[in-house]
Full PDB file with SEQRES, HELIX, SHEET, SSBOND, CRYST1, ORIGX, SCALE, CONECT and MASTER records, all heavy atoms in Angstrom:
SEQRES   1 A   32  SER ALA GLY VAL LEU LYS LYS VAL ALA GLU GLN ARG HIS          
SEQRES   2 A   32  GLY HIS PRO MET GLY THR VAL ARG PRO PRO LEU SER PRO          
SEQRES   3 A   32  VAL PRO PRO THR PHE ASP                                      
HELIX    1 AA1 ALA A    2  HIS A   13  1                                  12    
CRYST1    1.000    1.000    1.000  90.00  90.00  90.00 P 1           1          
ORIGX1      1.000000  0.000000  0.000000        0.00000                         
ORIGX2      0.000000  1.000000  0.000000        0.00000                         
ORIGX3      0.000000  0.000000  1.000000        0.00000                         
SCALE1      1.000000  0.000000  0.000000        0.00000                         
SCALE2      0.000000  1.000000  0.000000        0.00000                         
SCALE3      0.000000  0.000000  1.000000        0.00000                         
ATOM      1  N   SER A   1    -107.668 175.399  62.855  1.00  0.00           N  
ATOM      2  CA  SER A   1    -108.661 174.407  62.444  1.00  0.00           C  
ATOM      3  C   SER A   1    -109.282 174.690  61.087  1.00  0.00           C  
ATOM      4  O   SER A   1    -109.558 173.744  60.329  1.00  0.00           O  
ATOM      5  CB  SER A   1    -109.772 174.312  63.495  1.00  0.00           C  
ATOM      6  OG  SER A   1    -110.428 175.554  63.673  1.00  0.00           O  
ATOM      7  N   ALA A   2    -109.441 175.963  60.719  1.00  0.00           N  
ATOM      8  CA  ALA A   2    -110.046 176.254  59.405  1.00  0.00           C  
ATOM      9  C   ALA A   2    -109.162 175.684  58.285  1.00  0.00           C  
ATOM     10  O   ALA A   2    -109.657 175.146  57.286  1.00  0.00           O  
ATOM     11  CB  ALA A   2    -110.236 177.737  59.222  1.00  0.00           C  
ATOM     12  N   GLY A   3    -107.829 175.797  58.466  1.00  0.00           N  
ATOM     13  CA  GLY A   3    -106.941 175.265  57.441  1.00  0.00           C  
ATOM     14  C   GLY A   3    -106.993 173.746  57.355  1.00  0.00           C  
ATOM     15  O   GLY A   3    -106.972 173.169  56.263  1.00  0.00           O  
ATOM     16  N   VAL A   4    -107.042 173.060  58.497  1.00  0.00           N  
ATOM     17  CA  VAL A   4    -107.158 171.611  58.504  1.00  0.00           C  
ATOM     18  C   VAL A   4    -108.457 171.176  57.835  1.00  0.00           C  
ATOM     19  O   VAL A   4    -108.477 170.246  57.015  1.00  0.00           O  
ATOM     20  CB  VAL A   4    -107.036 171.065  59.931  1.00  0.00           C  
ATOM     21  CG1 VAL A   4    -107.255 169.549  59.926  1.00  0.00           C  
ATOM     22  CG2 VAL A   4    -105.709 171.416  60.540  1.00  0.00           C  
ATOM     23  N   LEU A   5    -109.571 171.819  58.186  1.00  0.00           N  
ATOM     24  CA  LEU A   5    -110.840 171.465  57.601  1.00  0.00           C  
ATOM     25  C   LEU A   5    -110.809 171.594  56.082  1.00  0.00           C  
ATOM     26  O   LEU A   5    -111.372 170.749  55.354  1.00  0.00           O  
ATOM     27  CB  LEU A   5    -111.938 172.351  58.197  1.00  0.00           C  
ATOM     28  CG  LEU A   5    -112.270 172.128  59.674  1.00  0.00           C  
ATOM     29  CD1 LEU A   5    -113.164 173.238  60.214  1.00  0.00           C  
ATOM     30  CD2 LEU A   5    -112.895 170.762  59.911  1.00  0.00           C  
ATOM     31  N   LYS A   6    -110.166 172.639  55.583  1.00  0.00           N  
ATOM     32  CA  LYS A   6    -110.109 172.821  54.124  1.00  0.00           C  
ATOM     33  C   LYS A   6    -109.284 171.727  53.476  1.00  0.00           C  
ATOM     34  O   LYS A   6    -109.681 171.191  52.409  1.00  0.00           O  
ATOM     35  CB  LYS A   6    -109.514 174.206  53.812  1.00  0.00           C  
ATOM     36  CG  LYS A   6    -110.392 175.383  54.185  1.00  0.00           C  
ATOM     37  CD  LYS A   6    -109.675 176.684  53.911  1.00  0.00           C  
ATOM     38  CE  LYS A   6    -110.355 177.819  54.663  1.00  0.00           C  
ATOM     39  NZ  LYS A   6    -109.729 179.121  54.406  1.00  0.00           N  
ATOM     40  N   LYS A   7    -108.170 171.367  54.070  1.00  0.00           N  
ATOM     41  CA  LYS A   7    -107.321 170.338  53.463  1.00  0.00           C  
ATOM     42  C   LYS A   7    -108.040 168.987  53.455  1.00  0.00           C  
ATOM     43  O   LYS A   7    -107.967 168.246  52.457  1.00  0.00           O  
ATOM     44  CB  LYS A   7    -106.008 170.214  54.259  1.00  0.00           C  
ATOM     45  CG  LYS A   7    -105.060 171.413  54.099  1.00  0.00           C  
ATOM     46  CD  LYS A   7    -104.648 171.596  52.661  1.00  0.00           C  
ATOM     47  CE  LYS A   7    -103.666 172.752  52.537  1.00  0.00           C  
ATOM     48  NZ  LYS A   7    -103.300 173.010  51.098  1.00  0.00           N  
ATOM     49  N   VAL A   8    -108.726 168.648  54.536  1.00  0.00           N  
ATOM     50  CA  VAL A   8    -109.432 167.374  54.572  1.00  0.00           C  
ATOM     51  C   VAL A   8    -110.649 167.380  53.678  1.00  0.00           C  
ATOM     52  O   VAL A   8    -110.937 166.392  52.984  1.00  0.00           O  
ATOM     53  CB  VAL A   8    -109.804 167.014  56.031  1.00  0.00           C  
ATOM     54  CG1 VAL A   8    -110.578 165.692  56.070  1.00  0.00           C  
ATOM     55  CG2 VAL A   8    -108.549 166.915  56.907  1.00  0.00           C  
ATOM     56  N   ALA A   9    -111.353 168.487  53.648  1.00  0.00           N  
ATOM     57  CA  ALA A   9    -112.505 168.586  52.741  1.00  0.00           C  
ATOM     58  C   ALA A   9    -112.065 168.432  51.275  1.00  0.00           C  
ATOM     59  O   ALA A   9    -112.774 167.748  50.481  1.00  0.00           O  
ATOM     60  CB  ALA A   9    -113.230 169.953  52.918  1.00  0.00           C  
ATOM     61  N   GLU A  10    -110.951 169.004  50.933  1.00  0.00           N  
ATOM     62  CA  GLU A  10    -110.435 168.876  49.558  1.00  0.00           C  
ATOM     63  C   GLU A  10    -110.186 167.415  49.217  1.00  0.00           C  
ATOM     64  O   GLU A  10    -110.438 166.962  48.071  1.00  0.00           O  
ATOM     65  CB  GLU A  10    -109.195 169.702  49.426  1.00  0.00           C  
ATOM     66  CG  GLU A  10    -108.605 169.758  48.014  1.00  0.00           C  
ATOM     67  CD  GLU A  10    -107.439 170.722  47.889  1.00  0.00           C  
ATOM     68  OE1 GLU A  10    -107.585 171.857  48.371  1.00  0.00           O  
ATOM     69  OE2 GLU A  10    -106.408 170.321  47.325  1.00  0.00           O  
ATOM     70  N   GLN A  11    -109.686 166.649  50.182  1.00  0.00           N  
ATOM     71  CA  GLN A  11    -109.459 165.224  49.942  1.00  0.00           C  
ATOM     72  C   GLN A  11    -110.780 164.496  49.752  1.00  0.00           C  
ATOM     73  O   GLN A  11    -110.844 163.549  48.968  1.00  0.00           O  
ATOM     74  CB  GLN A  11    -108.685 164.610  51.134  1.00  0.00           C  
ATOM     75  CG  GLN A  11    -107.249 165.033  51.206  1.00  0.00           C  
ATOM     76  CD  GLN A  11    -106.458 164.601  49.946  1.00  0.00           C  
ATOM     77  OE1 GLN A  11    -106.593 163.495  49.464  1.00  0.00           O  
ATOM     78  NE2 GLN A  11    -105.641 165.511  49.463  1.00  0.00           N  
ATOM     79  N   ARG A  12    -111.803 164.933  50.440  1.00  0.00           N  
ATOM     80  CA  ARG A  12    -113.082 164.217  50.352  1.00  0.00           C  
ATOM     81  C   ARG A  12    -113.783 164.457  49.017  1.00  0.00           C  
ATOM     82  O   ARG A  12    -114.375 163.560  48.459  1.00  0.00           O  
ATOM     83  CB  ARG A  12    -113.994 164.649  51.485  1.00  0.00           C  
ATOM     84  CG  ARG A  12    -113.546 164.092  52.853  1.00  0.00           C  
ATOM     85  CD  ARG A  12    -114.708 163.477  53.597  1.00  0.00           C  
ATOM     86  NE  ARG A  12    -115.440 162.467  52.847  1.00  0.00           N  
ATOM     87  CZ  ARG A  12    -116.653 162.065  53.131  1.00  0.00           C  
ATOM     88  NH1 ARG A  12    -117.292 162.606  54.169  1.00  0.00           N  
ATOM     89  NH2 ARG A  12    -117.278 161.137  52.423  1.00  0.00           N  
ATOM     90  N   HIS A  13    -113.757 165.712  48.498  1.00  0.00           N  
ATOM     91  CA  HIS A  13    -114.546 165.952  47.308  1.00  0.00           C  
ATOM     92  C   HIS A  13    -113.765 166.404  46.084  1.00  0.00           C  
ATOM     93  O   HIS A  13    -114.313 166.490  44.998  1.00  0.00           O  
ATOM     94  CB  HIS A  13    -115.680 166.945  47.589  1.00  0.00           C  
ATOM     95  CG  HIS A  13    -115.269 168.223  48.224  1.00  0.00           C  
ATOM     96  ND1 HIS A  13    -114.256 169.043  47.750  1.00  0.00           N  
ATOM     97  CD2 HIS A  13    -115.761 168.865  49.340  1.00  0.00           C  
ATOM     98  CE1 HIS A  13    -114.148 170.118  48.512  1.00  0.00           C  
ATOM     99  NE2 HIS A  13    -115.048 170.045  49.471  1.00  0.00           N  
ATOM    100  N   GLY A  14    -112.485 166.704  46.252  1.00  0.00           N  
ATOM    101  CA  GLY A  14    -111.641 166.994  45.110  1.00  0.00           C  
ATOM    102  C   GLY A  14    -111.659 168.451  44.641  1.00  0.00           C  
ATOM    103  O   GLY A  14    -110.926 168.793  43.719  1.00  0.00           O  
ATOM    104  N   HIS A  15    -112.438 169.290  45.256  1.00  0.00           N  
ATOM    105  CA  HIS A  15    -112.465 170.705  44.864  1.00  0.00           C  
ATOM    106  C   HIS A  15    -111.380 171.445  45.608  1.00  0.00           C  
ATOM    107  O   HIS A  15    -111.196 171.252  46.817  1.00  0.00           O  
ATOM    108  CB  HIS A  15    -113.816 171.352  45.174  1.00  0.00           C  
ATOM    109  CG  HIS A  15    -114.968 170.670  44.539  1.00  0.00           C  
ATOM    110  ND1 HIS A  15    -115.123 170.633  43.153  1.00  0.00           N  
ATOM    111  CD2 HIS A  15    -116.025 169.971  45.042  1.00  0.00           C  
ATOM    112  CE1 HIS A  15    -116.243 169.961  42.860  1.00  0.00           C  
ATOM    113  NE2 HIS A  15    -116.782 169.537  43.982  1.00  0.00           N  
ATOM    114  N   PRO A  16    -110.622 172.312  44.942  1.00  0.00           N  
ATOM    115  CA  PRO A  16    -109.582 173.040  45.612  1.00  0.00           C  
ATOM    116  C   PRO A  16    -110.135 173.986  46.700  1.00  0.00           C  
ATOM    117  O   PRO A  16    -111.081 174.744  46.438  1.00  0.00           O  
ATOM    118  CB  PRO A  16    -108.877 173.846  44.508  1.00  0.00           C  
ATOM    119  CG  PRO A  16    -109.940 173.962  43.442  1.00  0.00           C  
ATOM    120  CD  PRO A  16    -110.745 172.707  43.536  1.00  0.00           C  
ATOM    121  N   MET A  17    -109.581 173.886  47.900  1.00  0.00           N  
ATOM    122  CA  MET A  17    -110.118 174.700  49.003  1.00  0.00           C  
ATOM    123  C   MET A  17    -109.148 175.788  49.465  1.00  0.00           C  
ATOM    124  O   MET A  17    -109.451 176.495  50.427  1.00  0.00           O  
ATOM    125  CB  MET A  17    -110.461 173.766  50.165  1.00  0.00           C  
ATOM    126  CG  MET A  17    -111.623 172.819  49.876  1.00  0.00           C  
ATOM    127  SD  MET A  17    -113.190 173.703  49.533  1.00  0.00           S  
ATOM    128  CE  MET A  17    -113.532 174.389  51.139  1.00  0.00           C  
ATOM    129  N   GLY A  18    -108.003 175.905  48.774  1.00  0.00           N  
ATOM    130  CA  GLY A  18    -107.130 177.031  49.038  1.00  0.00           C  
ATOM    131  C   GLY A  18    -106.496 177.047  50.421  1.00  0.00           C  
ATOM    132  O   GLY A  18    -106.211 176.022  50.983  1.00  0.00           O  
ATOM    133  N   THR A  19    -106.341 178.250  50.932  1.00  0.00           N  
ATOM    134  CA  THR A  19    -105.634 178.437  52.156  1.00  0.00           C  
ATOM    135  C   THR A  19    -106.423 179.278  53.124  1.00  0.00           C  
ATOM    136  O   THR A  19    -107.623 179.543  52.884  1.00  0.00           O  
ATOM    137  CB  THR A  19    -104.257 179.092  51.861  1.00  0.00           C  
ATOM    138  OG1 THR A  19    -103.461 179.154  53.053  1.00  0.00           O  
ATOM    139  CG2 THR A  19    -104.409 180.513  51.299  1.00  0.00           C  
ATOM    140  N   VAL A  20    -105.817 179.638  54.234  1.00  0.00           N  
ATOM    141  CA  VAL A  20    -106.445 180.565  55.201  1.00  0.00           C  
ATOM    142  C   VAL A  20    -105.935 181.979  54.965  1.00  0.00           C  
ATOM    143  O   VAL A  20    -104.923 182.156  54.324  1.00  0.00           O  
ATOM    144  CB  VAL A  20    -106.166 180.122  56.672  1.00  0.00           C  
ATOM    145  CG1 VAL A  20    -106.823 178.785  56.961  1.00  0.00           C  
ATOM    146  CG2 VAL A  20    -104.672 180.055  56.926  1.00  0.00           C  
ATOM    147  N   ARG A  21    -106.634 182.928  55.510  1.00  0.00           N  
ATOM    148  CA  ARG A  21    -106.224 184.337  55.371  1.00  0.00           C  
ATOM    149  C   ARG A  21    -105.510 184.782  56.646  1.00  0.00           C  
ATOM    150  O   ARG A  21    -105.978 184.494  57.767  1.00  0.00           O  
ATOM    151  CB  ARG A  21    -107.476 185.229  55.122  1.00  0.00           C  
ATOM    152  CG  ARG A  21    -107.157 186.712  54.914  1.00  0.00           C  
ATOM    153  CD  ARG A  21    -108.412 187.451  54.500  1.00  0.00           C  
ATOM    154  NE  ARG A  21    -108.601 187.463  53.066  1.00  0.00           N  
ATOM    155  CZ  ARG A  21    -109.623 188.049  52.453  1.00  0.00           C  
ATOM    156  NH1 ARG A  21    -110.573 188.678  53.162  1.00  0.00           N  
ATOM    157  NH2 ARG A  21    -109.755 188.028  51.136  1.00  0.00           N  
ATOM    158  N   PRO A  22    -104.336 185.386  56.561  1.00  0.00           N  
ATOM    159  CA  PRO A  22    -103.677 185.896  57.744  1.00  0.00           C  
ATOM    160  C   PRO A  22    -104.596 186.792  58.587  1.00  0.00           C  
ATOM    161  O   PRO A  22    -105.447 187.484  58.011  1.00  0.00           O  
ATOM    162  CB  PRO A  22    -102.489 186.703  57.186  1.00  0.00           C  
ATOM    163  CG  PRO A  22    -102.250 186.118  55.839  1.00  0.00           C  
ATOM    164  CD  PRO A  22    -103.590 185.726  55.315  1.00  0.00           C  
ATOM    165  N   PRO A  23    -104.475 186.727  59.936  1.00  0.00           N  
ATOM    166  CA  PRO A  23    -103.320 186.221  60.674  1.00  0.00           C  
ATOM    167  C   PRO A  23    -103.289 184.711  60.943  1.00  0.00           C  
ATOM    168  O   PRO A  23    -102.411 184.240  61.587  1.00  0.00           O  
ATOM    169  CB  PRO A  23    -103.443 186.953  61.988  1.00  0.00           C  
ATOM    170  CG  PRO A  23    -104.919 187.140  62.188  1.00  0.00           C  
ATOM    171  CD  PRO A  23    -105.456 187.385  60.811  1.00  0.00           C  
ATOM    172  N   LEU A  24    -104.271 183.931  60.452  1.00  0.00           N  
ATOM    173  CA  LEU A  24    -104.154 182.479  60.585  1.00  0.00           C  
ATOM    174  C   LEU A  24    -102.987 181.986  59.725  1.00  0.00           C  
ATOM    175  O   LEU A  24    -102.666 182.598  58.717  1.00  0.00           O  
ATOM    176  CB  LEU A  24    -105.464 181.813  60.152  1.00  0.00           C  
ATOM    177  CG  LEU A  24    -106.711 182.144  61.029  1.00  0.00           C  
ATOM    178  CD1 LEU A  24    -107.884 181.279  60.554  1.00  0.00           C  
ATOM    179  CD2 LEU A  24    -106.447 181.904  62.494  1.00  0.00           C  
ATOM    180  N   SER A  25    -102.450 180.859  60.122  1.00  0.00           N  
ATOM    181  CA  SER A  25    -101.298 180.294  59.421  1.00  0.00           C  
ATOM    182  C   SER A  25    -101.736 179.058  58.602  1.00  0.00           C  
ATOM    183  O   SER A  25    -102.582 178.263  59.081  1.00  0.00           O  
ATOM    184  CB  SER A  25    -100.217 179.852  60.394  1.00  0.00           C  
ATOM    185  OG  SER A  25     -99.718 180.980  61.130  1.00  0.00           O  
ATOM    186  N   PRO A  26    -101.197 178.888  57.424  1.00  0.00           N  
ATOM    187  CA  PRO A  26    -101.557 177.720  56.609  1.00  0.00           C  
ATOM    188  C   PRO A  26    -101.094 176.413  57.276  1.00  0.00           C  
ATOM    189  O   PRO A  26    -100.165 176.423  58.068  1.00  0.00           O  
ATOM    190  CB  PRO A  26    -100.887 177.982  55.268  1.00  0.00           C  
ATOM    191  CG  PRO A  26     -99.724 178.869  55.604  1.00  0.00           C  
ATOM    192  CD  PRO A  26    -100.193 179.727  56.732  1.00  0.00           C  
ATOM    193  N   VAL A  27    -101.743 175.334  56.897  1.00  0.00           N  
ATOM    194  CA  VAL A  27    -101.351 174.034  57.378  1.00  0.00           C  
ATOM    195  C   VAL A  27     -99.941 173.695  56.807  1.00  0.00           C  
ATOM    196  O   VAL A  27     -99.700 173.905  55.628  1.00  0.00           O  
ATOM    197  CB  VAL A  27    -102.373 172.969  56.953  1.00  0.00           C  
ATOM    198  CG1 VAL A  27    -101.916 171.587  57.350  1.00  0.00           C  
ATOM    199  CG2 VAL A  27    -103.733 173.273  57.554  1.00  0.00           C  
ATOM    200  N   PRO A  28     -99.034 173.213  57.642  1.00  0.00           N  
ATOM    201  CA  PRO A  28     -97.670 172.944  57.136  1.00  0.00           C  
ATOM    202  C   PRO A  28     -97.671 171.799  56.131  1.00  0.00           C  
ATOM    203  O   PRO A  28     -98.556 170.927  56.129  1.00  0.00           O  
ATOM    204  CB  PRO A  28     -96.900 172.574  58.408  1.00  0.00           C  
ATOM    205  CG  PRO A  28     -97.951 172.119  59.384  1.00  0.00           C  
ATOM    206  CD  PRO A  28     -99.161 172.912  59.070  1.00  0.00           C  
ATOM    207  N   PRO A  29     -96.665 171.773  55.261  1.00  0.00           N  
ATOM    208  CA  PRO A  29     -96.611 170.693  54.231  1.00  0.00           C  
ATOM    209  C   PRO A  29     -96.504 169.298  54.815  1.00  0.00           C  
ATOM    210  O   PRO A  29     -96.835 168.322  54.122  1.00  0.00           O  
ATOM    211  CB  PRO A  29     -95.345 171.050  53.435  1.00  0.00           C  
ATOM    212  CG  PRO A  29     -95.076 172.493  53.726  1.00  0.00           C  
ATOM    213  CD  PRO A  29     -95.596 172.770  55.108  1.00  0.00           C  
ATOM    214  N   THR A  30     -96.081 169.203  56.031  1.00  0.00           N  
ATOM    215  CA  THR A  30     -95.954 167.875  56.676  1.00  0.00           C  
ATOM    216  C   THR A  30     -97.312 167.262  57.071  1.00  0.00           C  
ATOM    217  O   THR A  30     -97.378 166.068  57.367  1.00  0.00           O  
ATOM    218  CB  THR A  30     -95.093 167.989  57.940  1.00  0.00           C  
ATOM    219  OG1 THR A  30     -95.639 168.990  58.798  1.00  0.00           O  
ATOM    220  CG2 THR A  30     -93.669 168.355  57.600  1.00  0.00           C  
ATOM    221  N   PHE A  31     -98.363 168.060  57.030  1.00  0.00           N  
ATOM    222  CA  PHE A  31     -99.688 167.529  57.383  1.00  0.00           C  
ATOM    223  C   PHE A  31    -100.178 166.536  56.341  1.00  0.00           C  
ATOM    224  O   PHE A  31    -100.214 166.878  55.133  1.00  0.00           O  
ATOM    225  CB  PHE A  31    -100.702 168.687  57.537  1.00  0.00           C  
ATOM    226  CG  PHE A  31    -102.086 168.223  57.895  1.00  0.00           C  
ATOM    227  CD1 PHE A  31    -102.383 167.730  59.141  1.00  0.00           C  
ATOM    228  CD2 PHE A  31    -103.084 168.254  56.915  1.00  0.00           C  
ATOM    229  CE1 PHE A  31    -103.667 167.295  59.472  1.00  0.00           C  
ATOM    230  CE2 PHE A  31    -104.391 167.847  57.220  1.00  0.00           C  
ATOM    231  CZ  PHE A  31    -104.679 167.356  58.496  1.00  0.00           C  
ATOM    232  N   ASP A  32    -100.533 165.352  56.744  1.00  0.00           N  
ATOM    233  CA  ASP A  32    -100.968 164.279  55.830  1.00  0.00           C  
ATOM    234  C   ASP A  32    -102.495 164.347  55.706  1.00  0.00           C  
ATOM    235  O   ASP A  32    -103.195 163.689  56.471  1.00  0.00           O  
ATOM    236  CB  ASP A  32    -100.485 162.928  56.324  1.00  0.00           C  
ATOM    237  CG  ASP A  32    -100.690 161.822  55.327  1.00  0.00           C  
ATOM    238  OD1 ASP A  32    -101.499 161.985  54.369  1.00  0.00           O  
ATOM    239  OD2 ASP A  32    -100.044 160.760  55.473  1.00  0.00           O  
TER     240      ASP A  32                                                      
MASTER        0    0    0    1    0    0    0    6  239    1    0    3          
END                                                                             
């Protein structure tokens, strides 16, 4: 969820939100 929240937040405000830190996995490229 942390990765999804960052990707969606980035769409809302335009600031780069980066990725998650392992052991969490980044959101896959297929996520719209």
